[in-house]
Amino acid sequence: MFAILETGGKQYKVAEGDVLEVELLPAELIKKNSASLSTVLLVQGDKELLIGDPYVKHAKVKLKVLEEIKGEKIRIYKMKPKKGYRKSQGHRQKLHKIQVEKIETKAPAKAKEKETE
């Protein structure tokens, strides 16, 4: 089973147990080193394929936040020849290292009852 989720303006293909680095998650999503993302675009199960419009309803990816890290340093250098203008700047993006614990897809109980009728 795998899912495609969106966070930080990027899309990631994840499966249970995967460890990846994503842009810093909002503080309101993180509770006791765990988080849950509902911005799931696609879920591929054993027998089912759920495609969102734009997101899959009732689908969540539960994450475990391992640590907060910084990415590689990026150097920015600007120069204008013959003018004496030189500017150097650096940047390190803050990232979260996360592990995917579980991919959940649940339909509400009312929807299941309507399908059986």
PDB file of N, CA and C in Angstrom:
ATOM      1  N   MET A   1       0.844  -1.171   0.000  1.00  0.00           N
ATOM      2  CA  MET A   1       0.000   0.000   0.000  1.00  0.00           C
ATOM      3  C   MET A   1       0.889   1.234   0.000  1.00  0.00           C
ATOM      4  N   PHE A   2       0.573   2.192  -0.857  1.00  0.00           N
ATOM      5  CA  PHE A   2       1.297   3.444  -0.858  1.00  0.00           C
ATOM      6  C   PHE A   2       0.322   4.595  -1.061  1.00  0.00           C
ATOM      7  N   ALA A   3       0.817   5.788  -0.792  1.00  0.00           N
ATOM      8  CA  ALA A   3      -0.007   6.992  -0.941  1.00  0.00           C
ATOM      9  C   ALA A   3       0.864   8.115  -1.476  1.00  0.00           C
ATOM     10  N   ILE A   4       0.222   9.071  -2.101  1.00  0.00           N
ATOM     11  CA  ILE A   4       0.892  10.291  -2.524  1.00  0.00           C
ATOM     12  C   ILE A   4       0.299  11.412  -1.686  1.00  0.00           C
ATOM     13  N   LEU A   5       1.157  12.077  -0.913  1.00  0.00           N
ATOM     14  CA  LEU A   5       0.669  13.155  -0.061  1.00  0.00           C
ATOM     15  C   LEU A   5       1.369  14.456  -0.421  1.00  0.00           C
ATOM     16  N   GLU A   6       0.732  15.542  -0.021  1.00  0.00           N
ATOM     17  CA  GLU A   6       1.241  16.876  -0.333  1.00  0.00           C
ATOM     18  C   GLU A   6       1.523  17.607   0.972  1.00  0.00           C
ATOM     19  N   THR A   7       2.729  18.151   1.072  1.00  0.00           N
ATOM     20  CA  THR A   7       3.093  18.978   2.213  1.00  0.00           C
ATOM     21  C   THR A   7       4.219  19.902   1.799  1.00  0.00           C
ATOM     22  N   GLY A   8       4.156  21.133   2.246  1.00  0.00           N
ATOM     23  CA  GLY A   8       5.192  22.102   1.910  1.00  0.00           C
ATOM     24  C   GLY A   8       5.243  22.449   0.438  1.00  0.00           C
ATOM     25  N   GLY A   9       4.118  22.296  -0.280  1.00  0.00           N
ATOM     26  CA  GLY A   9       4.088  22.609  -1.700  1.00  0.00           C
ATOM     27  C   GLY A   9       4.723  21.541  -2.573  1.00  0.00           C
ATOM     28  N   LYS A  10       5.065  20.394  -1.989  1.00  0.00           N
ATOM     29  CA  LYS A  10       5.678  19.300  -2.738  1.00  0.00           C
ATOM     30  C   LYS A  10       4.862  18.032  -2.536  1.00  0.00           C
ATOM     31  N   GLN A  11       5.004  17.094  -3.473  1.00  0.00           N
ATOM     32  CA  GLN A  11       4.289  15.830  -3.386  1.00  0.00           C
ATOM     33  C   GLN A  11       5.282  14.704  -3.157  1.00  0.00           C
ATOM     34  N   TYR A  12       4.915  13.758  -2.291  1.00  0.00           N
ATOM     35  CA  TYR A  12       5.784  12.649  -1.920  1.00  0.00           C
ATOM     36  C   TYR A  12       5.030  11.336  -2.062  1.00  0.00           C
ATOM     37  N   LYS A  13       5.688  10.333  -2.635  1.00  0.00           N
ATOM     38  CA  LYS A  13       5.132   8.983  -2.675  1.00  0.00           C
ATOM     39  C   LYS A  13       5.664   8.251  -1.449  1.00  0.00           C
ATOM     40  N   VAL A  14       4.758   7.799  -0.573  1.00  0.00           N
ATOM     41  CA  VAL A  14       5.170   7.189   0.692  1.00  0.00           C
ATOM     42  C   VAL A  14       4.489   5.837   0.884  1.00  0.00           C
ATOM     43  N   ALA A  15       5.172   4.975   1.610  1.00  0.00           N
ATOM     44  CA  ALA A  15       4.620   3.698   2.048  1.00  0.00           C
ATOM     45  C   ALA A  15       4.876   3.601   3.546  1.00  0.00           C
ATOM     46  N   GLU A  16       4.239   2.647   4.200  1.00  0.00           N
ATOM     47  CA  GLU A  16       4.403   2.499   5.640  1.00  0.00           C
ATOM     48  C   GLU A  16       5.849   2.130   5.960  1.00  0.00           C
ATOM     49  N   GLY A  17       6.431   2.848   6.928  1.00  0.00           N
ATOM     50  CA  GLY A  17       7.810   2.589   7.324  1.00  0.00           C
ATOM     51  C   GLY A  17       8.833   3.484   6.639  1.00  0.00           C
ATOM     52  N   ASP A  18       8.439   4.251   5.640  1.00  0.00           N
ATOM     53  CA  ASP A  18       9.373   5.139   4.940  1.00  0.00           C
ATOM     54  C   ASP A  18       9.835   6.270   5.846  1.00  0.00           C
ATOM     55  N   VAL A  19      11.094   6.675   5.685  1.00  0.00           N
ATOM     56  CA  VAL A  19      11.657   7.821   6.390  1.00  0.00           C
ATOM     57  C   VAL A  19      12.024   8.854   5.340  1.00  0.00           C
ATOM     58  N   LEU A  20      11.546  10.085   5.503  1.00  0.00           N
ATOM     59  CA  LEU A  20      11.854  11.130   4.537  1.00  0.00           C
ATOM     60  C   LEU A  20      11.974  12.481   5.218  1.00  0.00           C
ATOM     61  N   GLU A  21      12.554  13.421   4.483  1.00  0.00           N
ATOM     62  CA  GLU A  21      12.729  14.781   4.975  1.00  0.00           C
ATOM     63  C   GLU A  21      11.764  15.691   4.230  1.00  0.00           C
ATOM     64  N   VAL A  22      10.937  16.404   4.994  1.00  0.00           N
ATOM     65  CA  VAL A  22       9.971  17.338   4.417  1.00  0.00           C
ATOM     66  C   VAL A  22      10.196  18.706   5.022  1.00  0.00           C
ATOM     67  N   GLU A  23       9.643  19.720   4.372  1.00  0.00           N
ATOM     68  CA  GLU A  23       9.750  21.059   4.931  1.00  0.00           C
ATOM     69  C   GLU A  23       9.060  21.108   6.285  1.00  0.00           C
ATOM     70  N   LEU A  24       9.464  22.059   7.085  1.00  0.00           N
ATOM     71  CA  LEU A  24       8.994  22.178   8.461  1.00  0.00           C
ATOM     72  C   LEU A  24       7.471  22.137   8.521  1.00  0.00           C
ATOM     73  N   LEU A  25       6.931  21.215   9.311  1.00  0.00           N
ATOM     74  CA  LEU A  25       5.484  21.089   9.469  1.00  0.00           C
ATOM     75  C   LEU A  25       4.984  22.150  10.440  1.00  0.00           C
ATOM     76  N   PRO A  26       3.766  22.634  10.280  1.00  0.00           N
ATOM     77  CA  PRO A  26       3.223  23.619  11.210  1.00  0.00           C
ATOM     78  C   PRO A  26       3.133  23.050  12.623  1.00  0.00           C
ATOM     79  N   ALA A  27       3.335  23.908  13.612  1.00  0.00           N
ATOM     80  CA  ALA A  27       3.350  23.478  15.011  1.00  0.00           C
ATOM     81  C   ALA A  27       2.007  22.903  15.448  1.00  0.00           C
ATOM     82  N   GLU A  28       0.893  23.376  14.865  1.00  0.00           N
ATOM     83  CA  GLU A  28      -0.423  22.885  15.277  1.00  0.00           C
ATOM     84  C   GLU A  28      -0.686  21.449  14.811  1.00  0.00           C
ATOM     85  N   LEU A  29       0.081  20.958  13.832  1.00  0.00           N
ATOM     86  CA  LEU A  29      -0.073  19.577  13.385  1.00  0.00           C
ATOM     87  C   LEU A  29       0.675  18.581  14.270  1.00  0.00           C
ATOM     88  N   ILE A  30       1.729  19.033  14.931  1.00  0.00           N
ATOM     89  CA  ILE A  30       2.588  18.134  15.699  1.00  0.00           C
ATOM     90  C   ILE A  30       2.110  18.060  17.146  1.00  0.00           C
ATOM     91  N   LYS A  31       1.833  16.843  17.600  1.00  0.00           N
ATOM     92  CA  LYS A  31       1.423  16.610  18.989  1.00  0.00           C
ATOM     93  C   LYS A  31       2.204  15.416  19.521  1.00  0.00           C
ATOM     94  N   LYS A  32       3.070  15.654  20.490  1.00  0.00           N
ATOM     95  CA  LYS A  32       3.880  14.597  21.119  1.00  0.00           C
ATOM     96  C   LYS A  32       4.653  13.785  20.077  1.00  0.00           C
ATOM     97  N   ASN A  33       5.380  14.476  19.219  1.00  0.00           N
ATOM     98  CA  ASN A  33       6.221  13.870  18.184  1.00  0.00           C
ATOM     99  C   ASN A  33       5.460  12.995  17.198  1.00  0.00           C
ATOM    100  N   SER A  34       4.186  13.256  17.004  1.00  0.00           N
ATOM    101  CA  SER A  34       3.426  12.572  15.971  1.00  0.00           C
ATOM    102  C   SER A  34       2.545  13.592  15.268  1.00  0.00           C
ATOM    103  N   ALA A  35       2.225  13.291  14.030  1.00  0.00           N
ATOM    104  CA  ALA A  35       1.401  14.200  13.241  1.00  0.00           C
ATOM    105  C   ALA A  35       0.497  13.375  12.332  1.00  0.00           C
ATOM    106  N   SER A  36      -0.510  14.024  11.796  1.00  0.00           N
ATOM    107  CA  SER A  36      -1.437  13.372  10.886  1.00  0.00           C
ATOM    108  C   SER A  36      -1.729  14.331   9.741  1.00  0.00           C
ATOM    109  N   LEU A  37      -1.496  13.888   8.519  1.00  0.00           N
ATOM    110  CA  LEU A  37      -1.743  14.719   7.348  1.00  0.00           C
ATOM    111  C   LEU A  37      -2.950  14.181   6.587  1.00  0.00           C
ATOM    112  N   SER A  38      -3.862  15.063   6.232  1.00  0.00           N
ATOM    113  CA  SER A  38      -5.045  14.652   5.479  1.00  0.00           C
ATOM    114  C   SER A  38      -4.998  15.145   4.036  1.00  0.00           C
ATOM    115  N   THR A  39      -3.859  15.716   3.619  1.00  0.00           N
ATOM    116  CA  THR A  39      -3.722  16.188   2.241  1.00  0.00           C
ATOM    117  C   THR A  39      -3.179  15.049   1.377  1.00  0.00           C
ATOM    118  N   VAL A  40      -3.983  13.988   1.257  1.00  0.00           N
ATOM    119  CA  VAL A  40      -3.606  12.795   0.504  1.00  0.00           C
ATOM    120  C   VAL A  40      -4.223  12.891  -0.880  1.00  0.00           C
ATOM    121  N   LEU A  41      -3.399  12.787  -1.906  1.00  0.00           N
ATOM    122  CA  LEU A  41      -3.867  12.918  -3.281  1.00  0.00           C
ATOM    123  C   LEU A  41      -4.303  11.589  -3.887  1.00  0.00           C
ATOM    124  N   LEU A  42      -3.645  10.484  -3.474  1.00  0.00           N
ATOM    125  CA  LEU A  42      -3.935   9.181  -4.055  1.00  0.00           C
ATOM    126  C   LEU A  42      -3.568   8.109  -3.040  1.00  0.00           C
ATOM    127  N   VAL A  43      -4.370   7.046  -2.997  1.00  0.00           N
ATOM    128  CA  VAL A  43      -4.068   5.892  -2.149  1.00  0.00           C
ATOM    129  C   VAL A  43      -4.215   4.643  -2.997  1.00  0.00           C
ATOM    130  N   GLN A  44      -3.167   3.825  -3.042  1.00  0.00           N
ATOM    131  CA  GLN A  44      -3.201   2.552  -3.755  1.00  0.00           C
ATOM    132  C   GLN A  44      -3.138   1.439  -2.725  1.00  0.00           C
ATOM    133  N   GLY A  45      -4.214   0.670  -2.599  1.00  0.00           N
ATOM    134  CA  GLY A  45      -4.261  -0.449  -1.670  1.00  0.00           C
ATOM    135  C   GLY A  45      -4.045  -1.750  -2.409  1.00  0.00           C
ATOM    136  N   ASP A  46      -4.370  -2.864  -1.748  1.00  0.00           N
ATOM    137  CA  ASP A  46      -4.230  -4.161  -2.378  1.00  0.00           C
ATOM    138  C   ASP A  46      -5.200  -4.333  -3.546  1.00  0.00           C
ATOM    139  N   LYS A  47      -6.440  -3.930  -3.324  1.00  0.00           N
ATOM    140  CA  LYS A  47      -7.469  -4.117  -4.351  1.00  0.00           C
ATOM    141  C   LYS A  47      -8.100  -2.810  -4.827  1.00  0.00           C
ATOM    142  N   GLU A  48      -7.774  -1.712  -4.149  1.00  0.00           N
ATOM    143  CA  GLU A  48      -8.466  -0.465  -4.452  1.00  0.00           C
ATOM    144  C   GLU A  48      -7.494   0.645  -4.828  1.00  0.00           C
ATOM    145  N   LEU A  49      -7.986   1.557  -5.632  1.00  0.00           N
ATOM    146  CA  LEU A  49      -7.246   2.762  -5.996  1.00  0.00           C
ATOM    147  C   LEU A  49      -8.176   3.934  -5.751  1.00  0.00           C
ATOM    148  N   LEU A  50      -7.784   4.817  -4.835  1.00  0.00           N
ATOM    149  CA  LEU A  50      -8.595   5.993  -4.514  1.00  0.00           C
ATOM    150  C   LEU A  50      -7.877   7.225  -5.020  1.00  0.00           C
ATOM    151  N   ILE A  51      -8.545   7.984  -5.863  1.00  0.00           N
ATOM    152  CA  ILE A  51      -7.975   9.203  -6.426  1.00  0.00           C
ATOM    153  C   ILE A  51      -8.768  10.378  -5.887  1.00  0.00           C
ATOM    154  N   GLY A  52      -8.069  11.381  -5.401  1.00  0.00           N
ATOM    155  CA  GLY A  52      -8.727  12.535  -4.799  1.00  0.00           C
ATOM    156  C   GLY A  52      -9.146  13.579  -5.809  1.00  0.00           C
ATOM    157  N   ASP A  53     -10.003  14.474  -5.344  1.00  0.00           N
ATOM    158  CA  ASP A  53     -10.477  15.561  -6.190  1.00  0.00           C
ATOM    159  C   ASP A  53     -10.553  16.838  -5.371  1.00  0.00           C
ATOM    160  N   PRO A  54      -9.536  17.529  -4.974  1.00  0.00           N
ATOM    161  CA  PRO A  54      -8.109  17.243  -5.159  1.00  0.00           C
ATOM    162  C   PRO A  54      -7.555  16.276  -4.117  1.00  0.00           C
ATOM    163  N   TYR A  55      -8.247  16.105  -2.963  1.00  0.00           N
ATOM    164  CA  TYR A  55      -7.750  15.211  -1.919  1.00  0.00           C
ATOM    165  C   TYR A  55      -8.722  14.068  -1.718  1.00  0.00           C
ATOM    166  N   VAL A  56      -8.201  12.932  -1.276  1.00  0.00           N
ATOM    167  CA  VAL A  56      -9.034  11.768  -0.974  1.00  0.00           C
ATOM    168  C   VAL A  56      -9.752  12.031   0.346  1.00  0.00           C
ATOM    169  N   LYS A  57     -11.068  11.920   0.324  1.00  0.00           N
ATOM    170  CA  LYS A  57     -11.842  12.146   1.545  1.00  0.00           C
ATOM    171  C   LYS A  57     -11.642  10.979   2.493  1.00  0.00           C
ATOM    172  N   HIS A  58     -11.553  11.264   3.775  1.00  0.00           N
ATOM    173  CA  HIS A  58     -11.426  10.278   4.851  1.00  0.00           C
ATOM    174  C   HIS A  58     -10.129   9.483   4.773  1.00  0.00           C
ATOM    175  N   ALA A  59      -9.104  10.037   4.170  1.00  0.00           N
ATOM    176  CA  ALA A  59      -7.786   9.382   4.121  1.00  0.00           C
ATOM    177  C   ALA A  59      -6.809  10.212   4.942  1.00  0.00           C
ATOM    178  N   LYS A  60      -5.984   9.522   5.734  1.00  0.00           N
ATOM    179  CA  LYS A  60      -4.989  10.189   6.570  1.00  0.00           C
ATOM    180  C   LYS A  60      -3.700   9.393   6.531  1.00  0.00           C
ATOM    181  N   VAL A  61      -2.607  10.101   6.681  1.00  0.00           N
ATOM    182  CA  VAL A  61      -1.300   9.466   6.827  1.00  0.00           C
ATOM    183  C   VAL A  61      -0.779   9.864   8.193  1.00  0.00           C
ATOM    184  N   LYS A  62      -0.562   8.871   9.056  1.00  0.00           N
ATOM    185  CA  LYS A  62      -0.045   9.140  10.398  1.00  0.00           C
ATOM    186  C   LYS A  62       1.471   9.095  10.352  1.00  0.00           C
ATOM    187  N   LEU A  63       2.098  10.122  10.927  1.00  0.00           N
ATOM    188  CA  LEU A  63       3.543  10.285  10.878  1.00  0.00           C
ATOM    189  C   LEU A  63       4.130  10.341  12.272  1.00  0.00           C
ATOM    190  N   LYS A  64       5.379   9.944  12.380  1.00  0.00           N
ATOM    191  CA  LYS A  64       6.149  10.092  13.609  1.00  0.00           C
ATOM    192  C   LYS A  64       7.288  11.050  13.294  1.00  0.00           C
ATOM    193  N   VAL A  65       7.368  12.154  14.022  1.00  0.00           N
ATOM    194  CA  VAL A  65       8.412  13.146  13.799  1.00  0.00           C
ATOM    195  C   VAL A  65       9.660  12.675  14.536  1.00  0.00           C
ATOM    196  N   LEU A  66      10.716  12.368  13.774  1.00  0.00           N
ATOM    197  CA  LEU A  66      11.943  11.858  14.365  1.00  0.00           C
ATOM    198  C   LEU A  66      12.816  12.985  14.897  1.00  0.00           C
ATOM    199  N   GLU A  67      13.029  14.023  14.071  1.00  0.00           N
ATOM    200  CA  GLU A  67      13.842  15.152  14.519  1.00  0.00           C
ATOM    201  C   GLU A  67      13.648  16.350  13.598  1.00  0.00           C
ATOM    202  N   GLU A  68      14.092  17.498  14.088  1.00  0.00           N
ATOM    203  CA  GLU A  68      14.092  18.730  13.301  1.00  0.00           C
ATOM    204  C   GLU A  68      15.534  18.987  12.883  1.00  0.00           C
ATOM    205  N   ILE A  69      15.765  19.097  11.580  1.00  0.00           N
ATOM    206  CA  ILE A  69      17.122  19.247  11.064  1.00  0.00           C
ATOM    207  C   ILE A  69      17.196  20.438  10.127  1.00  0.00           C
ATOM    208  N   LYS A  70      18.400  20.751   9.679  1.00  0.00           N
ATOM    209  CA  LYS A  70      18.610  21.797   8.683  1.00  0.00           C
ATOM    210  C   LYS A  70      19.182  21.158   7.422  1.00  0.00           C
ATOM    211  N   GLY A  71      18.763  21.654   6.277  1.00  0.00           N
ATOM    212  CA  GLY A  71      19.256  21.151   5.007  1.00  0.00           C
ATOM    213  C   GLY A  71      20.640  21.693   4.694  1.00  0.00           C
ATOM    214  N   GLU A  72      21.125  21.355   3.509  1.00  0.00           N
ATOM    215  CA  GLU A  72      22.435  21.841   3.085  1.00  0.00           C
ATOM    216  C   GLU A  72      22.419  23.343   2.898  1.00  0.00           C
ATOM    217  N   LYS A  73      23.591  23.956   3.071  1.00  0.00           N
ATOM    218  CA  LYS A  73      23.717  25.398   2.909  1.00  0.00           C
ATOM    219  C   LYS A  73      23.702  25.747   1.415  1.00  0.00           C
ATOM    220  N   ILE A  74      22.924  26.741   1.084  1.00  0.00           N
ATOM    221  CA  ILE A  74      22.855  27.245  -0.283  1.00  0.00           C
ATOM    222  C   ILE A  74      23.510  28.614  -0.288  1.00  0.00           C
ATOM    223  N   ARG A  75      24.423  28.832  -1.182  1.00  0.00           N
ATOM    224  CA  ARG A  75      25.121  30.114  -1.278  1.00  0.00           C
ATOM    225  C   ARG A  75      24.577  30.918  -2.455  1.00  0.00           C
ATOM    226  N   ILE A  76      24.276  32.191  -2.184  1.00  0.00           N
ATOM    227  CA  ILE A  76      23.787  33.117  -3.200  1.00  0.00           C
ATOM    228  C   ILE A  76      24.840  34.209  -3.340  1.00  0.00           C
ATOM    229  N   TYR A  77      25.295  34.465  -4.554  1.00  0.00           N
ATOM    230  CA  TYR A  77      26.319  35.479  -4.769  1.00  0.00           C
ATOM    231  C   TYR A  77      25.882  36.370  -5.917  1.00  0.00           C
ATOM    232  N   LYS A  78      25.834  37.678  -5.666  1.00  0.00           N
ATOM    233  CA  LYS A  78      25.462  38.652  -6.686  1.00  0.00           C
ATOM    234  C   LYS A  78      26.639  39.580  -6.926  1.00  0.00           C
ATOM    235  N   MET A  79      26.849  39.940  -8.176  1.00  0.00           N
ATOM    236  CA  MET A  79      27.959  40.823  -8.510  1.00  0.00           C
ATOM    237  C   MET A  79      27.624  41.608  -9.770  1.00  0.00           C
ATOM    238  N   LYS A  80      27.999  42.878  -9.758  1.00  0.00           N
ATOM    239  CA  LYS A  80      27.866  43.701 -10.956  1.00  0.00           C
ATOM    240  C   LYS A  80      29.274  44.131 -11.355  1.00  0.00           C
ATOM    241  N   PRO A  81      29.705  43.705 -12.522  1.00  0.00           N
ATOM    242  CA  PRO A  81      31.084  44.026 -12.920  1.00  0.00           C
ATOM    243  C   PRO A  81      31.298  45.537 -13.105  1.00  0.00           C
ATOM    244  N   LYS A  82      32.489  45.979 -12.765  1.00  0.00           N
ATOM    245  CA  LYS A  82      32.950  47.368 -12.921  1.00  0.00           C
ATOM    246  C   LYS A  82      32.206  48.357 -12.017  1.00  0.00           C
ATOM    247  N   LYS A  83      31.381  47.885 -11.106  1.00  0.00           N
ATOM    248  CA  LYS A  83      30.615  48.775 -10.232  1.00  0.00           C
ATOM    249  C   LYS A  83      31.022  48.625  -8.762  1.00  0.00           C
ATOM    250  N   GLY A  84      31.770  47.577  -8.432  1.00  0.00           N
ATOM    251  CA  GLY A  84      32.176  47.360  -7.047  1.00  0.00           C
ATOM    252  C   GLY A  84      31.075  46.782  -6.180  1.00  0.00           C
ATOM    253  N   TYR A  85      30.035  46.243  -6.813  1.00  0.00           N
ATOM    254  CA  TYR A  85      28.917  45.670  -6.060  1.00  0.00           C
ATOM    255  C   TYR A  85      29.102  44.165  -5.947  1.00  0.00           C
ATOM    256  N   ARG A  86      29.227  43.697  -4.727  1.00  0.00           N
ATOM    257  CA  ARG A  86      29.310  42.262  -4.456  1.00  0.00           C
ATOM    258  C   ARG A  86      28.478  41.980  -3.216  1.00  0.00           C
ATOM    259  N   LYS A  87      27.644  40.948  -3.306  1.00  0.00           N
ATOM    260  CA  LYS A  87      26.806  40.581  -2.172  1.00  0.00           C
ATOM    261  C   LYS A  87      26.776  39.065  -2.068  1.00  0.00           C
ATOM    262  N   SER A  88      27.049  38.564  -0.871  1.00  0.00           N
ATOM    263  CA  SER A  88      27.030  37.135  -0.633  1.00  0.00           C
ATOM    264  C   SER A  88      26.012  36.834   0.463  1.00  0.00           C
ATOM    265  N   GLN A  89      25.249  35.778   0.270  1.00  0.00           N
ATOM    266  CA  GLN A  89      24.209  35.426   1.222  1.00  0.00           C
ATOM    267  C   GLN A  89      24.101  33.907   1.267  1.00  0.00           C
ATOM    268  N   GLY A  90      23.727  33.356   2.409  1.00  0.00           N
ATOM    269  CA  GLY A  90      23.541  31.919   2.550  1.00  0.00           C
ATOM    270  C   GLY A  90      22.187  31.604   3.158  1.00  0.00           C
ATOM    271  N   HIS A  91      21.753  30.348   2.972  1.00  0.00           N
ATOM    272  CA  HIS A  91      20.453  29.929   3.503  1.00  0.00           C
ATOM    273  C   HIS A  91      20.493  28.439   3.809  1.00  0.00           C
ATOM    274  N   ARG A  92      19.918  28.052   4.958  1.00  0.00           N
ATOM    275  CA  ARG A  92      19.731  26.647   5.297  1.00  0.00           C
ATOM    276  C   ARG A  92      18.270  26.431   5.646  1.00  0.00           C
ATOM    277  N   GLN A  93      17.606  25.590   4.885  1.00  0.00           N
ATOM    278  CA  GLN A  93      16.185  25.330   5.082  1.00  0.00           C
ATOM    279  C   GLN A  93      15.973  24.423   6.290  1.00  0.00           C
ATOM    280  N   LYS A  94      14.996  24.756   7.123  1.00  0.00           N
ATOM    281  CA  LYS A  94      14.641  23.892   8.246  1.00  0.00           C
ATOM    282  C   LYS A  94      13.733  22.771   7.747  1.00  0.00           C
ATOM    283  N   LEU A  95      14.024  21.551   8.184  1.00  0.00           N
ATOM    284  CA  LEU A  95      13.299  20.369   7.736  1.00  0.00           C
ATOM    285  C   LEU A  95      12.891  19.517   8.922  1.00  0.00           C
ATOM    286  N   HIS A  96      11.889  18.686   8.713  1.00  0.00           N
ATOM    287  CA  HIS A  96      11.517  17.658   9.681  1.00  0.00           C
ATOM    288  C   HIS A  96      11.839  16.302   9.068  1.00  0.00           C
ATOM    289  N   LYS A  97      12.473  15.454   9.846  1.00  0.00           N
ATOM    290  CA  LYS A  97      12.697  14.071   9.435  1.00  0.00           C
ATOM    291  C   LYS A  97      11.539  13.275  10.009  1.00  0.00           C
ATOM    292  N   ILE A  98      10.756  12.633   9.128  1.00  0.00           N
ATOM    293  CA  ILE A  98       9.551  11.946   9.574  1.00  0.00           C
ATOM    294  C   ILE A  98       9.576  10.488   9.132  1.00  0.00           C
ATOM    295  N   GLN A  99       8.790   9.675   9.836  1.00  0.00           N
ATOM    296  CA  GLN A  99       8.604   8.275   9.476  1.00  0.00           C
ATOM    297  C   GLN A  99       7.113   8.034   9.329  1.00  0.00           C
ATOM    298  N   VAL A 100       6.724   7.366   8.248  1.00  0.00           N
ATOM    299  CA  VAL A 100       5.316   7.072   8.000  1.00  0.00           C
ATOM    300  C   VAL A 100       4.946   5.842   8.826  1.00  0.00           C
ATOM    301  N   GLU A 101       3.971   6.011   9.723  1.00  0.00           N
ATOM    302  CA  GLU A 101       3.544   4.902  10.572  1.00  0.00           C
ATOM    303  C   GLU A 101       2.382   4.128   9.965  1.00  0.00           C
ATOM    304  N   LYS A 102       1.379   4.849   9.464  1.00  0.00           N
ATOM    305  CA  LYS A 102       0.181   4.171   8.984  1.00  0.00           C
ATOM    306  C   LYS A 102      -0.533   5.019   7.939  1.00  0.00           C
ATOM    307  N   ILE A 103      -1.089   4.348   6.943  1.00  0.00           N
ATOM    308  CA  ILE A 103      -1.924   5.002   5.938  1.00  0.00           C
ATOM    309  C   ILE A 103      -3.344   4.501   6.165  1.00  0.00           C
ATOM    310  N   GLU A 104      -4.234   5.420   6.497  1.00  0.00           N
ATOM    311  CA  GLU A 104      -5.610   5.053   6.835  1.00  0.00           C
ATOM    312  C   GLU A 104      -6.574   5.551   5.773  1.00  0.00           C
ATOM    313  N   THR A 105      -7.524   4.698   5.404  1.00  0.00           N
ATOM    314  CA  THR A 105      -8.635   5.102   4.541  1.00  0.00           C
ATOM    315  C   THR A 105      -9.904   4.552   5.168  1.00  0.00           C
ATOM    316  N   LYS A 106     -10.730   5.450   5.628  1.00  0.00           N
ATOM    317  CA  LYS A 106     -11.979   5.047   6.258  1.00  0.00           C
ATOM    318  C   LYS A 106     -13.116   5.865   5.685  1.00  0.00           C
ATOM    319  N   ALA A 107     -14.164   5.175   5.320  1.00  0.00           N
ATOM    320  CA  ALA A 107     -15.386   5.863   4.915  1.00  0.00           C
ATOM    321  C   ALA A 107     -16.250   6.018   6.155  1.00  0.00           C
ATOM    322  N   PRO A 108     -16.999   7.108   6.267  1.00  0.00           N
ATOM    323  CA  PRO A 108     -17.857   7.270   7.441  1.00  0.00           C
ATOM    324  C   PRO A 108     -18.918   6.171   7.503  1.00  0.00           C
ATOM    325  N   ALA A 109     -19.408   5.887   8.697  1.00  0.00           N
ATOM    326  CA  ALA A 109     -20.374   4.806   8.905  1.00  0.00           C
ATOM    327  C   ALA A 109     -21.663   5.034   8.109  1.00  0.00           C
ATOM    328  N   LYS A 110     -22.098   6.279   7.999  1.00  0.00           N
ATOM    329  CA  LYS A 110     -23.327   6.573   7.259  1.00  0.00           C
ATOM    330  C   LYS A 110     -23.187   6.227   5.787  1.00  0.00           C
ATOM    331  N   ALA A 111     -22.031   6.496   5.211  1.00  0.00           N
ATOM    332  CA  ALA A 111     -21.808   6.209   3.788  1.00  0.00           C
ATOM    333  C   ALA A 111     -21.817   4.699   3.532  1.00  0.00           C
ATOM    334  N   LYS A 112     -21.268   3.909   4.470  1.00  0.00           N
ATOM    335  CA  LYS A 112     -21.258   2.455   4.328  1.00  0.00           C
ATOM    336  C   LYS A 112     -22.679   1.905   4.369  1.00  0.00           C
ATOM    337  N   GLU A 113     -23.526   2.466   5.241  1.00  0.00           N
ATOM    338  CA  GLU A 113     -24.899   2.011   5.343  1.00  0.00           C
ATOM    339  C   GLU A 113     -25.672   2.291   4.049  1.00  0.00           C
ATOM    340  N   LYS A 114     -25.425   3.450   3.443  1.00  0.00           N
ATOM    341  CA  LYS A 114     -26.118   3.808   2.209  1.00  0.00           C
ATOM    342  C   LYS A 114     -25.704   2.908   1.064  1.00  0.00           C
ATOM    343  N   GLU A 115     -24.447   2.492   1.033  1.00  0.00           N
ATOM    344  CA  GLU A 115     -23.951   1.618  -0.033  1.00  0.00           C
ATOM    345  C   GLU A 115     -24.609   0.246   0.047  1.00  0.00           C
ATOM    346  N   THR A 116     -24.871  -0.255   1.241  1.00  0.00           N
ATOM    347  CA  THR A 116     -25.446  -1.598   1.391  1.00  0.00           C
ATOM    348  C   THR A 116     -26.929  -1.624   1.086  1.00  0.00           C
ATOM    349  N   GLU A 117     -27.593  -0.495   1.132  1.00  0.00           N
ATOM    350  CA  GLU A 117     -29.045  -0.456   0.878  1.00  0.00           C
ATOM    351  C   GLU A 117     -29.382  -0.578  -0.579  1.00  0.00           C
TER     352      GLU A 117
END
